[in-house]
Amino acid sequence: MIATLLGGFAARPWGRAALRYGAIALAVLLFLLSLRRSGERTGRLAERLETTEKANDVQRRMLEAAARRPRDRNELVERLRDGRF
């Protein structure tokens, strides 16, 4: 029954034009929806990259601070006396 209705609709010239424009509109809509999903995915990846960069920066600063720390008590005392700590 549905096939008969669609076949009759497509048999007329204005019906074919309507189906053509409908198909074009559907294709454009699907393209826009895929762009939206792609943009959301890109945004999430950018946020994850930013978070990772911040964590790496904090870890790098912690390692640099650990490399500058006094090795033992005597070095700590010398730094405190010299005012370099």
N, C-alpha and C. Protein backbone atom coordinates (compact mmCIF):
# COMPACT_ATOMS: atom_id res chain seq x y z
N MET A 1 0.83 -1.20 0.00
CA MET A 1 0.00 0.00 0.00
C MET A 1 0.87 1.26 0.00
N ILE A 2 1.89 1.27 0.89
CA ILE A 2 2.77 2.43 0.96
C ILE A 2 3.59 2.55 -0.32
N ALA A 3 4.02 1.40 -0.86
CA ALA A 3 4.80 1.42 -2.09
C ALA A 3 3.97 1.97 -3.24
N THR A 4 2.69 1.65 -3.25
CA THR A 4 1.81 2.15 -4.30
C THR A 4 1.66 3.66 -4.19
N LEU A 5 1.51 4.17 -2.96
CA LEU A 5 1.38 5.61 -2.77
C LEU A 5 2.66 6.34 -3.17
N LEU A 6 3.80 5.79 -2.75
CA LEU A 6 5.06 6.44 -3.11
C LEU A 6 5.31 6.35 -4.61
N GLY A 7 4.95 5.22 -5.21
CA GLY A 7 5.12 5.07 -6.66
C GLY A 7 4.25 6.06 -7.42
N GLY A 8 3.02 6.25 -6.95
CA GLY A 8 2.13 7.21 -7.58
C GLY A 8 2.62 8.63 -7.38
N PHE A 9 3.19 8.91 -6.21
CA PHE A 9 3.71 10.24 -5.91
C PHE A 9 4.91 10.55 -6.78
N ALA A 10 5.77 9.53 -6.98
CA ALA A 10 6.99 9.74 -7.78
C ALA A 10 6.69 9.76 -9.28
N ALA A 11 5.51 9.31 -9.66
CA ALA A 11 5.18 9.28 -11.10
C ALA A 11 4.86 10.67 -11.63
N ARG A 12 4.46 11.56 -10.77
CA ARG A 12 4.10 12.92 -11.22
C ARG A 12 5.36 13.81 -11.20
N PRO A 13 5.44 14.75 -12.11
CA PRO A 13 6.63 15.63 -12.16
C PRO A 13 6.82 16.45 -10.89
N TRP A 14 5.77 17.01 -10.32
CA TRP A 14 5.92 17.80 -9.09
C TRP A 14 6.27 16.89 -7.92
N GLY A 15 5.84 15.64 -7.98
CA GLY A 15 6.18 14.68 -6.93
C GLY A 15 7.66 14.34 -6.94
N ARG A 16 8.18 14.15 -8.15
CA ARG A 16 9.63 13.89 -8.26
C ARG A 16 10.45 15.07 -7.76
N ALA A 17 9.99 16.28 -8.09
CA ALA A 17 10.71 17.49 -7.63
C ALA A 17 10.65 17.58 -6.11
N ALA A 18 9.48 17.27 -5.55
CA ALA A 18 9.35 17.31 -4.08
C ALA A 18 10.25 16.28 -3.43
N LEU A 19 10.30 15.07 -4.00
CA LEU A 19 11.19 14.03 -3.46
C LEU A 19 12.66 14.44 -3.58
N ARG A 20 13.02 15.06 -4.69
CA ARG A 20 14.40 15.50 -4.91
C ARG A 20 14.79 16.55 -3.86
N TYR A 21 13.92 17.56 -3.69
CA TYR A 21 14.23 18.61 -2.69
C TYR A 21 14.21 18.06 -1.28
N GLY A 22 13.33 17.11 -1.03
CA GLY A 22 13.30 16.47 0.29
C GLY A 22 14.59 15.70 0.57
N ALA A 23 15.09 15.00 -0.45
CA ALA A 23 16.35 14.26 -0.29
C ALA A 23 17.51 15.21 -0.06
N ILE A 24 17.52 16.32 -0.79
CA ILE A 24 18.59 17.32 -0.62
C ILE A 24 18.53 17.91 0.79
N ALA A 25 17.32 18.23 1.26
CA ALA A 25 17.17 18.80 2.60
C ALA A 25 17.61 17.80 3.66
N LEU A 26 17.26 16.53 3.48
CA LEU A 26 17.68 15.51 4.43
C LEU A 26 19.20 15.36 4.45
N ALA A 27 19.82 15.39 3.29
CA ALA A 27 21.29 15.28 3.22
C ALA A 27 21.95 16.46 3.92
N VAL A 28 21.44 17.67 3.71
CA VAL A 28 22.02 18.85 4.37
C VAL A 28 21.84 18.76 5.87
N LEU A 29 20.66 18.32 6.31
CA LEU A 29 20.41 18.17 7.75
C LEU A 29 21.36 17.17 8.38
N LEU A 30 21.54 16.03 7.74
CA LEU A 30 22.46 15.02 8.28
C LEU A 30 23.90 15.53 8.29
N PHE A 31 24.28 16.29 7.27
CA PHE A 31 25.62 16.86 7.23
C PHE A 31 25.83 17.83 8.39
N LEU A 32 24.85 18.68 8.66
CA LEU A 32 24.96 19.65 9.75
C LEU A 32 25.01 18.95 11.11
N LEU A 33 24.23 17.89 11.27
CA LEU A 33 24.27 17.14 12.53
C LEU A 33 25.62 16.46 12.72
N SER A 34 26.20 15.95 11.65
CA SER A 34 27.52 15.33 11.78
C SER A 34 28.59 16.38 12.11
N LEU A 35 28.45 17.59 11.53
CA LEU A 35 29.38 18.67 11.88
C LEU A 35 29.29 19.02 13.36
N ARG A 36 28.06 19.04 13.87
CA ARG A 36 27.86 19.36 15.29
C ARG A 36 28.53 18.32 16.17
N ARG A 37 28.32 17.04 15.85
CA ARG A 37 28.94 15.98 16.65
C ARG A 37 30.46 16.05 16.57
N SER A 38 30.97 16.36 15.39
CA SER A 38 32.41 16.48 15.21
C SER A 38 32.96 17.64 16.04
N GLY A 39 32.24 18.75 16.06
CA GLY A 39 32.67 19.90 16.87
C GLY A 39 32.66 19.60 18.35
N GLU A 40 31.64 18.87 18.81
CA GLU A 40 31.60 18.50 20.22
C GLU A 40 32.77 17.60 20.57
N ARG A 41 33.07 16.64 19.69
CA ARG A 41 34.18 15.72 19.94
C ARG A 41 35.50 16.49 19.98
N THR A 42 35.66 17.44 19.06
CA THR A 42 36.88 18.25 19.03
C THR A 42 37.01 19.08 20.29
N GLY A 43 35.90 19.62 20.77
CA GLY A 43 35.93 20.40 22.01
C GLY A 43 36.35 19.56 23.21
N ARG A 44 35.83 18.34 23.28
CA ARG A 44 36.21 17.45 24.38
C ARG A 44 37.69 17.10 24.32
N LEU A 45 38.19 16.85 23.10
CA LEU A 45 39.61 16.52 22.96
C LEU A 45 40.50 17.72 23.32
N ALA A 46 40.07 18.91 22.96
CA ALA A 46 40.84 20.11 23.31
C ALA A 46 40.86 20.32 24.81
N GLU A 47 39.73 20.07 25.46
CA GLU A 47 39.68 20.22 26.92
C GLU A 47 40.58 19.18 27.60
N ARG A 48 40.56 17.96 27.08
CA ARG A 48 41.42 16.91 27.65
C ARG A 48 42.90 17.27 27.46
N LEU A 49 43.25 17.82 26.30
CA LEU A 49 44.63 18.23 26.05
C LEU A 49 45.05 19.34 27.00
N GLU A 50 44.17 20.31 27.22
CA GLU A 50 44.48 21.41 28.13
C GLU A 50 44.70 20.90 29.56
N THR A 51 43.85 19.99 29.99
CA THR A 51 43.99 19.42 31.34
C THR A 51 45.30 18.66 31.47
N THR A 52 45.65 17.90 30.44
CA THR A 52 46.90 17.14 30.46
C THR A 52 48.10 18.08 30.50
N GLU A 53 48.05 19.16 29.73
CA GLU A 53 49.15 20.12 29.73
C GLU A 53 49.32 20.77 31.10
N LYS A 54 48.21 21.10 31.76
CA LYS A 54 48.29 21.68 33.10
C LYS A 54 48.91 20.70 34.08
N ALA A 55 48.49 19.44 34.01
CA ALA A 55 49.04 18.43 34.92
C ALA A 55 50.53 18.23 34.66
N ASN A 56 50.93 18.21 33.40
CA ASN A 56 52.35 18.07 33.07
C ASN A 56 53.16 19.26 33.55
N ASP A 57 52.59 20.45 33.46
CA ASP A 57 53.29 21.65 33.93
C ASP A 57 53.48 21.59 35.45
N VAL A 58 52.45 21.19 36.16
CA VAL A 58 52.57 21.08 37.63
C VAL A 58 53.62 20.04 37.99
N GLN A 59 53.61 18.90 37.32
CA GLN A 59 54.59 17.86 37.60
C GLN A 59 56.01 18.33 37.28
N ARG A 60 56.18 19.06 36.18
CA ARG A 60 57.51 19.57 35.83
C ARG A 60 58.02 20.54 36.88
N ARG A 61 57.12 21.44 37.36
CA ARG A 61 57.54 22.39 38.41
C ARG A 61 57.90 21.66 39.70
N MET A 62 57.16 20.60 40.03
CA MET A 62 57.49 19.83 41.23
C MET A 62 58.85 19.16 41.10
N LEU A 63 59.15 18.62 39.92
CA LEU A 63 60.45 17.98 39.71
C LEU A 63 61.59 19.00 39.77
N GLU A 64 61.35 20.19 39.20
CA GLU A 64 62.38 21.24 39.27
C GLU A 64 62.62 21.67 40.72
N ALA A 65 61.56 21.79 41.49
CA ALA A 65 61.70 22.16 42.90
C ALA A 65 62.44 21.08 43.68
N ALA A 66 62.15 19.83 43.37
CA ALA A 66 62.84 18.72 44.05
C ALA A 66 64.32 18.69 43.69
N ALA A 67 64.65 19.08 42.46
CA ALA A 67 66.06 19.08 42.05
C ALA A 67 66.85 20.19 42.76
N ARG A 68 66.18 21.25 43.17
CA ARG A 68 66.86 22.37 43.84
C ARG A 68 66.89 22.23 45.36
N ARG A 69 66.28 21.20 45.89
CA ARG A 69 66.20 21.10 47.36
C ARG A 69 67.58 20.79 47.97
N PRO A 70 67.75 21.12 49.23
CA PRO A 70 69.02 20.80 49.89
C PRO A 70 69.20 19.28 50.01
N ARG A 71 70.45 18.83 49.86
CA ARG A 71 70.71 17.38 49.88
C ARG A 71 70.70 16.80 51.29
N ASP A 72 71.17 17.59 52.25
CA ASP A 72 71.20 17.10 53.64
C ASP A 72 71.04 18.29 54.58
N ARG A 73 71.14 18.01 55.86
CA ARG A 73 70.94 19.07 56.86
C ARG A 73 72.02 20.14 56.80
N ASN A 74 73.22 19.73 56.54
CA ASN A 74 74.32 20.70 56.49
C ASN A 74 74.10 21.71 55.35
N GLU A 75 73.68 21.21 54.19
CA GLU A 75 73.42 22.12 53.07
C GLU A 75 72.24 23.03 53.39
N LEU A 76 71.25 22.52 54.10
CA LEU A 76 70.11 23.34 54.51
C LEU A 76 70.56 24.45 55.45
N VAL A 77 71.40 24.10 56.39
CA VAL A 77 71.90 25.10 57.34
C VAL A 77 72.71 26.16 56.61
N GLU A 78 73.55 25.74 55.67
CA GLU A 78 74.35 26.70 54.91
C GLU A 78 73.46 27.63 54.09
N ARG A 79 72.45 27.11 53.48
CA ARG A 79 71.53 27.96 52.70
C ARG A 79 70.80 28.94 53.60
N LEU A 80 70.38 28.50 54.76
CA LEU A 80 69.68 29.41 55.67
C LEU A 80 70.61 30.52 56.17
N ARG A 81 71.85 30.17 56.44
CA ARG A 81 72.81 31.18 56.92
C ARG A 81 73.14 32.19 55.82
N ASP A 82 73.24 31.70 54.59
CA ASP A 82 73.55 32.60 53.46
C ASP A 82 72.34 33.37 52.98
N GLY A 83 71.14 32.98 53.39
CA GLY A 83 69.93 33.65 52.96
C GLY A 83 69.50 33.28 51.55
N ARG A 84 69.94 32.13 51.07
CA ARG A 84 69.58 31.70 49.73
C ARG A 84 68.35 30.81 49.71
N PHE A 85 67.82 30.44 50.81
CA PHE A 85 66.71 29.47 50.83
C PHE A 85 65.38 30.16 50.69
